PDB file of all heavy atoms in Angstrom:
ATOM      1  N   ILE A   1     -18.715 -38.088  35.763  1.00  0.00           N
ATOM      2  CA  ILE A   1     -19.146 -38.313  34.385  1.00  0.00           C
ATOM      3  C   ILE A   1     -17.980 -38.819  33.550  1.00  0.00           C
ATOM      4  O   ILE A   1     -18.118 -39.741  32.748  1.00  0.00           O
ATOM      5  CB  ILE A   1     -19.732 -37.025  33.774  1.00  0.00           C
ATOM      6  CG1 ILE A   1     -21.018 -36.626  34.509  1.00  0.00           C
ATOM      7  CG2 ILE A   1     -20.029 -37.221  32.291  1.00  0.00           C
ATOM      8  CD1 ILE A   1     -21.635 -35.338  34.024  1.00  0.00           C
ATOM      9  N   ALA A   2     -16.808 -38.226  33.760  1.00  0.00           N
ATOM     10  CA  ALA A   2     -15.631 -38.663  33.021  1.00  0.00           C
ATOM     11  C   ALA A   2     -15.284 -40.111  33.364  1.00  0.00           C
ATOM     12  O   ALA A   2     -14.773 -40.853  32.527  1.00  0.00           O
ATOM     13  CB  ALA A   2     -14.453 -37.746  33.333  1.00  0.00           C
ATOM     14  N   ASP A   3     -15.595 -40.506  34.582  1.00  0.00           N
ATOM     15  CA  ASP A   3     -15.280 -41.860  35.032  1.00  0.00           C
ATOM     16  C   ASP A   3     -16.202 -42.897  34.405  1.00  0.00           C
ATOM     17  O   ASP A   3     -15.784 -44.002  34.068  1.00  0.00           O
ATOM     18  CB  ASP A   3     -15.402 -41.911  36.553  1.00  0.00           C
ATOM     19  CG  ASP A   3     -14.525 -42.988  37.156  1.00  0.00           C
ATOM     20  OD1 ASP A   3     -13.450 -43.247  36.591  1.00  0.00           O
ATOM     21  OD2 ASP A   3     -14.918 -43.562  38.173  1.00  0.00           O
ATOM     22  N   ILE A   4     -17.503 -42.537  34.244  1.00  0.00           N
ATOM     23  CA  ILE A   4     -18.455 -43.515  33.739  1.00  0.00           C
ATOM     24  C   ILE A   4     -18.474 -43.564  32.217  1.00  0.00           C
ATOM     25  O   ILE A   4     -18.926 -44.541  31.630  1.00  0.00           O
ATOM     26  CB  ILE A   4     -19.884 -43.231  34.258  1.00  0.00           C
ATOM     27  CG1 ILE A   4     -20.402 -41.890  33.759  1.00  0.00           C
ATOM     28  CG2 ILE A   4     -19.927 -43.308  35.775  1.00  0.00           C
ATOM     29  CD1 ILE A   4     -21.822 -41.582  34.143  1.00  0.00           C
ATOM     30  N   GLN A   5     -18.007 -42.497  31.575  1.00  0.00           N
ATOM     31  CA  GLN A   5     -17.979 -42.480  30.112  1.00  0.00           C
ATOM     32  C   GLN A   5     -16.548 -42.248  29.644  1.00  0.00           C
ATOM     33  O   GLN A   5     -16.078 -41.120  29.544  1.00  0.00           O
ATOM     34  CB  GLN A   5     -18.900 -41.371  29.572  1.00  0.00           C
ATOM     35  CG  GLN A   5     -20.345 -41.801  29.435  1.00  0.00           C
ATOM     36  CD  GLN A   5     -20.553 -42.821  28.323  1.00  0.00           C
ATOM     37  OE1 GLN A   5     -19.665 -43.098  27.543  1.00  0.00           O
ATOM     38  NE2 GLN A   5     -21.748 -43.388  28.259  1.00  0.00           N
ATOM     39  N   THR A   6     -15.829 -43.315  29.383  1.00  0.00           N
ATOM     40  CA  THR A   6     -14.431 -43.222  28.986  1.00  0.00           C
ATOM     41  C   THR A   6     -14.256 -43.141  27.476  1.00  0.00           C
ATOM     42  O   THR A   6     -13.138 -42.991  26.992  1.00  0.00           O
ATOM     43  CB  THR A   6     -13.649 -44.444  29.521  1.00  0.00           C
ATOM     44  OG1 THR A   6     -14.263 -45.635  29.022  1.00  0.00           O
ATOM     45  CG2 THR A   6     -13.668 -44.469  31.036  1.00  0.00           C
ATOM     46  N   ASN A   7     -15.346 -43.253  26.734  1.00  0.00           N
ATOM     47  CA  ASN A   7     -15.243 -43.176  25.281  1.00  0.00           C
ATOM     48  C   ASN A   7     -14.875 -41.750  24.850  1.00  0.00           C
ATOM     49  O   ASN A   7     -15.305 -40.773  25.461  1.00  0.00           O
ATOM     50  CB  ASN A   7     -16.576 -43.571  24.639  1.00  0.00           C
ATOM     51  CG  ASN A   7     -16.422 -43.921  23.175  1.00  0.00           C
ATOM     52  OD1 ASN A   7     -15.582 -44.726  22.817  1.00  0.00           O
ATOM     53  ND2 ASN A   7     -17.242 -43.308  22.345  1.00  0.00           N
ATOM     54  N   GLU A   8     -14.112 -41.633  23.770  1.00  0.00           N
ATOM     55  CA  GLU A   8     -13.668 -40.317  23.332  1.00  0.00           C
ATOM     56  C   GLU A   8     -14.809 -39.479  22.770  1.00  0.00           C
ATOM     57  O   GLU A   8     -14.782 -38.265  22.837  1.00  0.00           O
ATOM     58  CB  GLU A   8     -12.570 -40.477  22.269  1.00  0.00           C
ATOM     59  CG  GLU A   8     -11.275 -41.055  22.824  1.00  0.00           C
ATOM     60  CD  GLU A   8     -10.203 -41.144  21.760  1.00  0.00           C
ATOM     61  OE1 GLU A   8     -10.503 -40.779  20.600  1.00  0.00           O
ATOM     62  OE2 GLU A   8      -9.086 -41.570  22.090  1.00  0.00           O
ATOM     63  N   SER A   9     -15.809 -40.120  22.203  1.00  0.00           N
ATOM     64  CA  SER A   9     -16.901 -39.399  21.562  1.00  0.00           C
ATOM     65  C   SER A   9     -18.233 -39.812  22.183  1.00  0.00           C
ATOM     66  O   SER A   9     -18.532 -41.003  22.286  1.00  0.00           O
ATOM     67  CB  SER A   9     -16.911 -39.691  20.063  1.00  0.00           C
ATOM     68  OG  SER A   9     -17.987 -39.033  19.424  1.00  0.00           O
ATOM     69  N   VAL A  10     -19.025 -38.821  22.605  1.00  0.00           N
ATOM     70  CA  VAL A  10     -20.314 -39.092  23.226  1.00  0.00           C
ATOM     71  C   VAL A  10     -21.371 -38.161  22.661  1.00  0.00           C
ATOM     72  O   VAL A  10     -21.073 -37.146  22.037  1.00  0.00           O
ATOM     73  CB  VAL A  10     -20.248 -38.903  24.769  1.00  0.00           C
ATOM     74  CG1 VAL A  10     -19.257 -39.855  25.393  1.00  0.00           C
ATOM     75  CG2 VAL A  10     -19.944 -37.458  25.137  1.00  0.00           C
ATOM     76  N   SER A  11     -22.628 -38.526  22.908  1.00  0.00           N
ATOM     77  CA  SER A  11     -23.766 -37.660  22.633  1.00  0.00           C
ATOM     78  C   SER A  11     -24.593 -37.601  23.905  1.00  0.00           C
ATOM     79  O   SER A  11     -24.668 -38.582  24.649  1.00  0.00           O
ATOM     80  CB  SER A  11     -24.606 -38.203  21.471  1.00  0.00           C
ATOM     81  OG  SER A  11     -23.852 -38.236  20.275  1.00  0.00           O
ATOM     82  N   ALA A  12     -25.215 -36.452  24.168  1.00  0.00           N
ATOM     83  CA  ALA A  12     -25.904 -36.286  25.448  1.00  0.00           C
ATOM     84  C   ALA A  12     -27.157 -35.435  25.301  1.00  0.00           C
ATOM     85  O   ALA A  12     -27.215 -34.511  24.487  1.00  0.00           O
ATOM     86  CB  ALA A  12     -24.966 -35.666  26.472  1.00  0.00           C
ATOM     87  N   VAL A  13     -28.160 -35.765  26.127  1.00  0.00           N
ATOM     88  CA  VAL A  13     -29.424 -35.034  26.184  1.00  0.00           C
ATOM     89  C   VAL A  13     -29.689 -34.637  27.626  1.00  0.00           C
ATOM     90  O   VAL A  13     -29.428 -35.410  28.555  1.00  0.00           O
ATOM     91  CB  VAL A  13     -30.589 -35.901  25.659  1.00  0.00           C
ATOM     92  CG1 VAL A  13     -31.932 -35.208  25.885  1.00  0.00           C
ATOM     93  CG2 VAL A  13     -30.401 -36.205  24.185  1.00  0.00           C
ATOM     94  N   SER A  14     -30.201 -33.426  27.820  1.00  0.00           N
ATOM     95  CA  SER A  14     -30.540 -32.935  29.145  1.00  0.00           C
ATOM     96  C   SER A  14     -32.006 -32.534  29.190  1.00  0.00           C
ATOM     97  O   SER A  14     -32.547 -32.013  28.202  1.00  0.00           O
ATOM     98  CB  SER A  14     -29.671 -31.718  29.497  1.00  0.00           C
ATOM     99  OG  SER A  14     -30.149 -31.071  30.661  1.00  0.00           O
ATOM    100  N   GLN A  15     -32.646 -32.784  30.343  1.00  0.00           N
ATOM    101  CA  GLN A  15     -34.039 -32.356  30.519  1.00  0.00           C
ATOM    102  C   GLN A  15     -34.251 -31.978  31.978  1.00  0.00           C
ATOM    103  O   GLN A  15     -34.003 -32.774  32.887  1.00  0.00           O
ATOM    104  CB  GLN A  15     -35.010 -33.456  30.112  1.00  0.00           C
ATOM    105  CG  GLN A  15     -36.470 -32.999  30.082  1.00  0.00           C
ATOM    106  CD  GLN A  15     -37.360 -33.982  29.342  1.00  0.00           C
ATOM    107  OE1 GLN A  15     -36.995 -35.124  29.099  1.00  0.00           O
ATOM    108  NE2 GLN A  15     -38.549 -33.541  28.963  1.00  0.00           N
ATOM    109  N   GLY A  16     -34.686 -30.755  32.213  1.00  0.00           N
ATOM    110  CA  GLY A  16     -34.974 -30.298  33.566  1.00  0.00           C
ATOM    111  C   GLY A  16     -36.390 -30.646  33.967  1.00  0.00           C
ATOM    112  O   GLY A  16     -37.278 -30.812  33.125  1.00  0.00           O
ATOM    113  N   PHE A  17     -36.627 -30.762  35.284  1.00  0.00           N
ATOM    114  CA  PHE A  17     -37.963 -31.055  35.794  1.00  0.00           C
ATOM    115  C   PHE A  17     -38.141 -30.369  37.140  1.00  0.00           C
ATOM    116  O   PHE A  17     -37.184 -30.077  37.861  1.00  0.00           O
ATOM    117  CB  PHE A  17     -38.185 -32.567  35.914  1.00  0.00           C
ATOM    118  CG  PHE A  17     -37.130 -33.304  36.695  1.00  0.00           C
ATOM    119  CD1 PHE A  17     -37.237 -33.486  38.070  1.00  0.00           C
ATOM    120  CD2 PHE A  17     -36.011 -33.820  36.045  1.00  0.00           C
ATOM    121  CE1 PHE A  17     -36.264 -34.160  38.787  1.00  0.00           C
ATOM    122  CE2 PHE A  17     -35.031 -34.502  36.756  1.00  0.00           C
ATOM    123  CZ  PHE A  17     -35.160 -34.672  38.134  1.00  0.00           C
ATOM    124  N   ILE A  18     -39.398 -30.096  37.492  1.00  0.00           N
ATOM    125  CA  ILE A  18     -39.675 -29.353  38.713  1.00  0.00           C
ATOM    126  C   ILE A  18     -41.042 -29.719  39.264  1.00  0.00           C
ATOM    127  O   ILE A  18     -41.972 -30.042  38.521  1.00  0.00           O
ATOM    128  CB  ILE A  18     -39.589 -27.828  38.457  1.00  0.00           C
ATOM    129  CG1 ILE A  18     -39.663 -27.043  39.768  1.00  0.00           C
ATOM    130  CG2 ILE A  18     -40.673 -27.372  37.476  1.00  0.00           C
ATOM    131  CD1 ILE A  18     -39.318 -25.577  39.621  1.00  0.00           C
ATOM    132  N   SER A  19     -41.145 -29.701  40.594  1.00  0.00           N
ATOM    133  CA  SER A  19     -42.409 -29.861  41.299  1.00  0.00           C
ATOM    134  C   SER A  19     -42.370 -28.911  42.486  1.00  0.00           C
ATOM    135  O   SER A  19     -41.428 -28.128  42.624  1.00  0.00           O
ATOM    136  CB  SER A  19     -42.587 -31.312  41.750  1.00  0.00           C
ATOM    137  OG  SER A  19     -43.828 -31.476  42.411  1.00  0.00           O
ATOM    138  N   ALA A  20     -43.351 -28.967  43.347  1.00  0.00           N
ATOM    139  CA  ALA A  20     -43.389 -28.069  44.498  1.00  0.00           C
ATOM    140  C   ALA A  20     -42.222 -28.364  45.437  1.00  0.00           C
ATOM    141  O   ALA A  20     -42.224 -29.377  46.130  1.00  0.00           O
ATOM    142  CB  ALA A  20     -44.712 -28.241  45.236  1.00  0.00           C
ATOM    143  N   GLY A  21     -41.232 -27.493  45.429  1.00  0.00           N
ATOM    144  CA  GLY A  21     -40.108 -27.634  46.341  1.00  0.00           C
ATOM    145  C   GLY A  21     -39.007 -28.546  45.861  1.00  0.00           C
ATOM    146  O   GLY A  21     -37.946 -28.622  46.478  1.00  0.00           O
ATOM    147  N   ILE A  22     -39.223 -29.276  44.776  1.00  0.00           N
ATOM    148  CA  ILE A  22     -38.223 -30.223  44.278  1.00  0.00           C
ATOM    149  C   ILE A  22     -37.969 -29.944  42.799  1.00  0.00           C
ATOM    150  O   ILE A  22     -38.900 -29.832  42.015  1.00  0.00           O
ATOM    151  CB  ILE A  22     -38.697 -31.684  44.432  1.00  0.00           C
ATOM    152  CG1 ILE A  22     -38.956 -32.011  45.900  1.00  0.00           C
ATOM    153  CG2 ILE A  22     -37.668 -32.653  43.839  1.00  0.00           C
ATOM    154  CD1 ILE A  22     -39.554 -33.389  46.122  1.00  0.00           C
ATOM    155  N   ASN A  23     -36.709 -29.795  42.460  1.00  0.00           N
ATOM    156  CA  ASN A  23     -36.365 -29.657  41.052  1.00  0.00           C
ATOM    157  C   ASN A  23     -35.102 -30.452  40.770  1.00  0.00           C
ATOM    158  O   ASN A  23     -34.380 -30.851  41.690  1.00  0.00           O
ATOM    159  CB  ASN A  23     -36.176 -28.195  40.660  1.00  0.00           C
ATOM    160  CG  ASN A  23     -34.962 -27.568  41.316  1.00  0.00           C
ATOM    161  OD1 ASN A  23     -34.969 -27.297  42.520  1.00  0.00           O
ATOM    162  ND2 ASN A  23     -33.913 -27.344  40.541  1.00  0.00           N
ATOM    163  N   GLY A  24     -34.849 -30.699  39.503  1.00  0.00           N
ATOM    164  CA  GLY A  24     -33.671 -31.469  39.151  1.00  0.00           C
ATOM    165  C   GLY A  24     -33.442 -31.476  37.665  1.00  0.00           C
ATOM    166  O   GLY A  24     -34.126 -30.797  36.891  1.00  0.00           O
ATOM    167  N   GLU A  25     -32.468 -32.260  37.265  1.00  0.00           N
ATOM    168  CA  GLU A  25     -32.097 -32.371  35.853  1.00  0.00           C
ATOM    169  C   GLU A  25     -31.726 -33.819  35.554  1.00  0.00           C
ATOM    170  O   GLU A  25     -31.105 -34.499  36.376  1.00  0.00           O
ATOM    171  CB  GLU A  25     -30.913 -31.465  35.547  1.00  0.00           C
ATOM    172  CG  GLU A  25     -30.461 -31.509  34.097  1.00  0.00           C
ATOM    173  CD  GLU A  25     -29.276 -30.590  33.844  1.00  0.00           C
ATOM    174  OE1 GLU A  25     -28.734 -30.023  34.810  1.00  0.00           O
ATOM    175  OE2 GLU A  25     -28.889 -30.452  32.664  1.00  0.00           O
ATOM    176  N   ALA A  26     -32.135 -34.289  34.405  1.00  0.00           N
ATOM    177  CA  ALA A  26     -31.774 -35.632  33.951  1.00  0.00           C
ATOM    178  C   ALA A  26     -30.847 -35.511  32.752  1.00  0.00           C
ATOM    179  O   ALA A  26     -31.102 -34.738  31.828  1.00  0.00           O
ATOM    180  CB  ALA A  26     -33.022 -36.418  33.576  1.00  0.00           C
ATOM    181  N   LEU A  27     -29.760 -36.272  32.783  1.00  0.00           N
ATOM    182  CA  LEU A  27     -28.811 -36.319  31.674  1.00  0.00           C
ATOM    183  C   LEU A  27     -28.730 -37.751  31.151  1.00  0.00           C
ATOM    184  O   LEU A  27     -28.561 -38.688  31.942  1.00  0.00           O
ATOM    185  CB  LEU A  27     -27.413 -35.896  32.124  1.00  0.00           C
ATOM    186  CG  LEU A  27     -27.195 -34.467  32.609  1.00  0.00           C
ATOM    187  CD1 LEU A  27     -25.776 -34.330  33.140  1.00  0.00           C
ATOM    188  CD2 LEU A  27     -27.426 -33.487  31.479  1.00  0.00           C
TER     189      LEU A  27
END
């Protein structure tokens, strides 16, 4: 993440998701 966003100031949103046997998070 530090490599792809080199700007000093950022804003970020997170959202989790889930299905049968599969879960994850989107940032």
